[in-house]
Amino acid sequence: MIFANASLIESEKERNLCTKFFAGYFFNEFTAGYAKRIVQFNRYIQEVSGREDLGLQSPNVSFDTHAYLCHERLRSKLSDVLISDPARQVFLFIETKYLSNWTYAADVAKGMERLDKVFDTDKKPHLAQATQHYFLLTSRRKEEAAGRPVQQYAPVTGPIFVPTPARPAEVTEGDTAEPAKSSFTSLLYWEDLAQMCDRSEVRQYMEARLKLCVSSSRNQHKSGYFLPGA
């Protein structure tokens, strides 16, 4: 069973969770409630991004999409999950985080820089009508554990903090201040996506996995959840 909730040996990797959840259920057109989930997902994306031009009608899902597929001189990964609607030229790039932590520099800034190169309409005029957005998918539980919004994670076993945008330095006459870097706000949450699922088995499966996001142990195989009889 894809969404078994008994104790079992299962990979704790983000890729395992992504393929099970997105391909096995959420964006699987052969599962009940598919059309309803697309409507809910579009509404969610609009609320998070503040954009009305990212709606999907016939989404395609790709995992570990690398940049060479879109740009001849880039070799790095574009996103963990790419949700696209080619007919409408809508591309949603999602960096996923499950048990691992994230930082703005490594997981947001570099990803958005690569997308700027891919969607350079001066060099690729055929993408002039394309719409794209970069998201980061994480767990709300880490924010709840921190007791405040989280935009950068310290190690799971340590305190979690929020870096605030740098304040402009004191400006002397004749100098100009550099603008403060704005916070990244396009955060998606596993918990929100799980609530869009009609099947209780899927919600229970995600609930059990997401409990591990604030586990005190980084070695998940010490947990009886992954190793029966441990």
Protein backbone atom coordinates (compact mmCIF):
# COMPACT_ATOMS: atom_id res chain seq x y z
CA MET A 1 0.00 0.00 0.00
CA ILE A 2 1.30 3.46 -0.84
CA PHE A 3 -0.14 5.11 2.26
CA ALA A 4 0.25 2.34 4.83
CA ASN A 5 0.11 3.68 8.37
CA ALA A 6 1.45 0.68 10.27
CA SER A 7 5.10 0.46 11.32
CA LEU A 8 7.28 -0.26 8.31
CA ILE A 9 10.72 0.25 6.87
CA GLU A 10 10.44 3.25 4.59
CA SER A 11 12.82 5.82 3.21
CA GLU A 12 12.78 9.10 5.12
CA LYS A 13 14.03 11.03 2.08
CA GLU A 14 12.11 14.03 0.77
CA ARG A 15 11.95 12.43 -2.65
CA ASN A 16 10.07 9.45 -1.24
CA LEU A 17 7.46 11.66 0.40
CA CYS A 18 7.11 13.85 -2.70
CA THR A 19 6.57 11.00 -5.15
CA LYS A 20 4.13 9.21 -2.87
CA PHE A 21 2.09 12.30 -2.11
CA PHE A 22 2.08 14.17 -5.44
CA ALA A 23 2.28 11.31 -7.95
CA GLY A 24 0.58 8.65 -5.85
CA TYR A 25 -2.39 10.78 -4.90
CA PHE A 26 -2.58 14.57 -5.05
CA PHE A 27 -1.94 15.07 -8.80
CA ASN A 28 -3.02 11.57 -9.81
CA GLU A 29 -5.91 12.01 -12.22
CA PHE A 30 -7.09 8.45 -11.53
CA THR A 31 -7.87 9.14 -7.87
CA ALA A 32 -11.24 10.38 -6.63
CA GLY A 33 -11.50 14.10 -5.93
CA TYR A 34 -8.78 15.06 -8.42
CA ALA A 35 -10.68 17.99 -9.98
CA LYS A 36 -11.60 19.35 -6.55
CA ARG A 37 -7.96 19.23 -5.42
CA ILE A 38 -6.85 21.18 -8.48
CA VAL A 39 -9.38 23.92 -7.68
CA GLN A 40 -8.23 24.03 -4.05
CA PHE A 41 -4.56 24.03 -5.05
CA ASN A 42 -5.08 26.92 -7.49
CA ARG A 43 -6.82 28.93 -4.77
CA TYR A 44 -3.99 28.15 -2.36
CA ILE A 45 -1.29 29.18 -4.84
CA GLN A 46 -3.11 32.44 -5.52
CA GLU A 47 -3.35 33.23 -1.80
CA VAL A 48 0.33 32.49 -1.17
CA SER A 49 1.75 34.24 -4.22
CA GLY A 50 -0.76 37.06 -4.53
CA ARG A 51 -0.97 36.28 -8.25
CA GLU A 52 -4.00 35.35 -10.33
CA ASP A 53 -2.09 34.17 -13.41
CA LEU A 54 -0.73 30.88 -12.02
CA GLY A 55 -3.84 28.74 -12.30
CA LEU A 56 -3.49 25.17 -13.58
CA GLN A 57 -6.00 23.26 -15.67
CA SER A 58 -4.06 20.19 -16.81
CA PRO A 59 -1.03 19.98 -14.53
CA ASN A 60 2.02 17.84 -15.18
CA VAL A 61 4.37 16.88 -12.35
CA SER A 62 8.11 16.29 -12.63
CA PHE A 63 10.58 15.46 -9.86
CA ASP A 64 14.22 16.56 -9.60
CA THR A 65 14.00 18.66 -12.75
CA HIS A 66 17.48 19.75 -13.85
CA ALA A 67 18.32 22.99 -15.59
CA TYR A 68 19.91 21.45 -18.71
CA LEU A 69 16.38 20.60 -19.88
CA CYS A 70 15.61 24.32 -20.05
CA HIS A 71 18.98 26.03 -20.47
CA GLU A 72 21.95 24.81 -22.47
CA ARG A 73 24.60 26.15 -20.05
CA LEU A 74 23.05 25.28 -16.70
CA ARG A 75 23.70 21.92 -15.06
CA SER A 76 22.25 22.32 -11.58
CA LYS A 77 18.78 21.33 -10.36
CA LEU A 78 15.94 23.76 -10.97
CA SER A 79 13.49 22.37 -8.45
CA ASP A 80 12.54 19.30 -6.47
CA VAL A 81 9.00 19.43 -7.85
CA LEU A 82 7.96 21.16 -11.07
CA ILE A 83 4.22 21.52 -11.60
CA SER A 84 3.50 22.85 -15.06
CA ASP A 85 0.64 23.40 -17.46
CA PRO A 86 2.42 23.55 -20.86
CA ALA A 87 -0.69 24.56 -22.80
CA ARG A 88 -1.09 27.63 -20.58
CA GLN A 89 2.70 28.12 -20.14
CA VAL A 90 2.43 28.10 -16.34
CA PHE A 91 5.39 26.77 -14.36
CA LEU A 92 5.49 26.35 -10.58
CA PHE A 93 8.94 25.51 -9.21
CA ILE A 94 8.89 24.06 -5.70
CA GLU A 95 11.87 23.48 -3.44
CA THR A 96 10.73 20.89 -0.92
CA LYS A 97 11.88 20.46 2.65
CA TYR A 98 10.73 17.64 4.89
CA LEU A 99 13.11 16.64 7.68
CA SER A 100 15.92 18.81 6.39
CA ASN A 101 16.36 22.53 7.06
CA TRP A 102 16.44 25.40 4.63
CA THR A 103 18.16 28.73 4.21
CA TYR A 104 17.37 31.69 2.02
CA ALA A 105 20.79 31.73 0.37
CA ALA A 106 20.95 28.07 -0.62
CA ASP A 107 17.33 27.17 -1.22
CA VAL A 108 15.73 30.40 -2.43
CA ALA A 109 18.23 32.89 -3.81
CA LYS A 110 20.15 30.39 -5.95
CA GLY A 111 16.97 28.82 -7.26
CA MET A 112 15.46 32.14 -8.28
CA GLU A 113 18.74 33.15 -9.91
CA ARG A 114 18.66 30.03 -12.08
CA LEU A 115 15.05 30.72 -13.08
CA ASP A 116 15.98 34.26 -14.14
CA LYS A 117 18.41 32.70 -16.62
CA VAL A 118 15.91 30.14 -17.86
CA PHE A 119 13.18 32.74 -18.39
CA ASP A 120 15.39 35.42 -19.93
CA THR A 121 12.93 36.61 -22.57
CA ASP A 122 15.57 38.69 -24.33
CA LYS A 123 17.28 35.43 -25.27
CA LYS A 124 14.12 33.31 -25.31
CA PRO A 125 11.31 35.43 -26.77
CA HIS A 126 9.09 32.34 -27.06
CA LEU A 127 8.76 32.46 -23.25
CA ALA A 128 7.48 36.02 -23.21
CA GLN A 129 3.97 34.84 -22.36
CA ALA A 130 5.06 32.24 -19.81
CA THR A 131 4.29 32.71 -16.13
CA GLN A 132 6.39 31.15 -13.41
CA HIS A 133 6.84 31.34 -9.66
CA TYR A 134 9.22 29.89 -7.08
CA PHE A 135 7.91 28.34 -3.87
CA LEU A 136 9.36 26.57 -0.88
CA LEU A 137 7.37 23.72 0.64
CA THR A 138 8.02 23.03 4.31
CA SER A 139 6.26 22.01 7.51
CA ARG A 140 4.18 24.30 9.67
CA ARG A 141 5.16 22.20 12.69
CA LYS A 142 8.58 23.79 12.86
CA GLU A 143 6.95 27.19 13.05
CA GLU A 144 4.63 25.97 15.78
CA ALA A 145 7.60 24.54 17.69
CA ALA A 146 9.36 27.87 17.42
CA GLY A 147 6.26 29.80 18.48
CA ARG A 148 6.69 32.30 15.65
CA PRO A 149 6.94 32.41 11.85
CA VAL A 150 10.01 30.63 10.56
CA GLN A 151 11.86 31.76 7.48
CA GLN A 152 15.17 30.08 8.19
CA TYR A 153 15.76 26.96 10.20
CA ALA A 154 18.52 26.17 12.61
CA PRO A 155 19.21 22.43 13.16
CA VAL A 156 16.12 20.54 14.25
CA THR A 157 17.60 19.82 17.68
CA GLY A 158 18.45 23.46 18.27
CA PRO A 159 16.45 26.65 18.60
CA ILE A 160 14.64 27.97 15.56
CA PHE A 161 14.93 31.62 14.68
CA VAL A 162 13.73 34.17 12.18
CA PRO A 163 16.26 36.47 10.54
CA THR A 164 14.71 39.88 10.02
CA PRO A 165 15.56 42.00 7.00
CA ALA A 166 18.69 44.01 7.59
CA ARG A 167 18.06 47.58 8.64
CA PRO A 168 19.51 50.25 6.39
CA ALA A 169 22.84 51.50 7.66
CA GLU A 170 23.25 55.04 8.86
CA VAL A 171 23.50 57.26 5.83
CA THR A 172 25.77 60.25 5.81
CA GLU A 173 25.21 63.20 3.57
CA GLY A 174 26.08 62.39 -0.01
CA ASP A 175 25.77 58.62 0.45
CA THR A 176 22.88 56.38 -0.63
CA ALA A 177 21.54 53.50 1.41
CA GLU A 178 21.26 49.99 0.01
CA PRO A 179 17.68 48.68 0.13
CA ALA A 180 16.98 46.02 2.75
CA LYS A 181 16.46 42.53 1.36
CA SER A 182 12.81 41.61 1.58
CA SER A 183 11.72 38.42 3.30
CA PHE A 184 10.74 35.41 1.20
CA THR A 185 7.00 34.88 1.62
CA SER A 186 6.11 32.18 -0.95
CA LEU A 187 5.97 29.38 1.59
CA LEU A 188 3.76 26.33 1.09
CA TYR A 189 3.02 23.91 3.91
CA TRP A 190 2.67 20.12 3.82
CA GLU A 191 -0.10 20.38 6.40
CA ASP A 192 -2.19 22.64 4.15
CA LEU A 193 -1.85 20.26 1.20
CA ALA A 194 -2.77 17.27 3.37
CA GLN A 195 -5.99 19.00 4.41
CA MET A 196 -7.03 19.15 0.74
CA CYS A 197 -7.04 15.34 0.56
CA ASP A 198 -10.37 13.54 0.80
CA ARG A 199 -8.90 10.18 1.77
CA SER A 200 -8.38 9.77 5.50
CA GLU A 201 -5.55 7.29 4.85
CA VAL A 202 -3.54 9.99 3.09
CA ARG A 203 -4.12 12.55 5.84
CA GLN A 204 -3.15 10.02 8.52
CA TYR A 205 -0.04 9.03 6.58
CA MET A 206 1.05 12.66 6.26
CA GLU A 207 0.24 13.32 9.92
CA ALA A 208 2.52 10.48 10.99
CA ARG A 209 5.38 11.60 8.73
CA LEU A 210 5.16 15.25 9.68
CA LYS A 211 5.43 14.46 13.36
CA LEU A 212 9.03 13.57 12.62
CA CYS A 213 9.77 17.15 11.51
CA VAL A 214 10.33 18.18 15.10
CA SER A 215 11.80 14.88 16.27
CA SER A 216 14.71 15.15 18.69
CA SER A 217 16.58 12.45 16.75
CA ARG A 218 18.02 13.04 13.29
CA ASN A 219 18.54 9.30 12.83
CA GLN A 220 15.02 8.30 11.90
CA HIS A 221 15.95 4.62 11.72
CA LYS A 222 16.18 4.60 15.51
CA SER A 223 12.45 5.18 15.48
CA GLY A 224 10.11 2.21 15.69
CA TYR A 225 8.00 3.87 13.05
CA PHE A 226 10.59 3.02 10.39
CA LEU A 227 11.91 -0.21 11.89
CA PRO A 228 9.23 -2.65 13.14
CA GLY A 229 10.06 -4.27 16.43
CA ALA A 230 12.91 -1.84 17.21
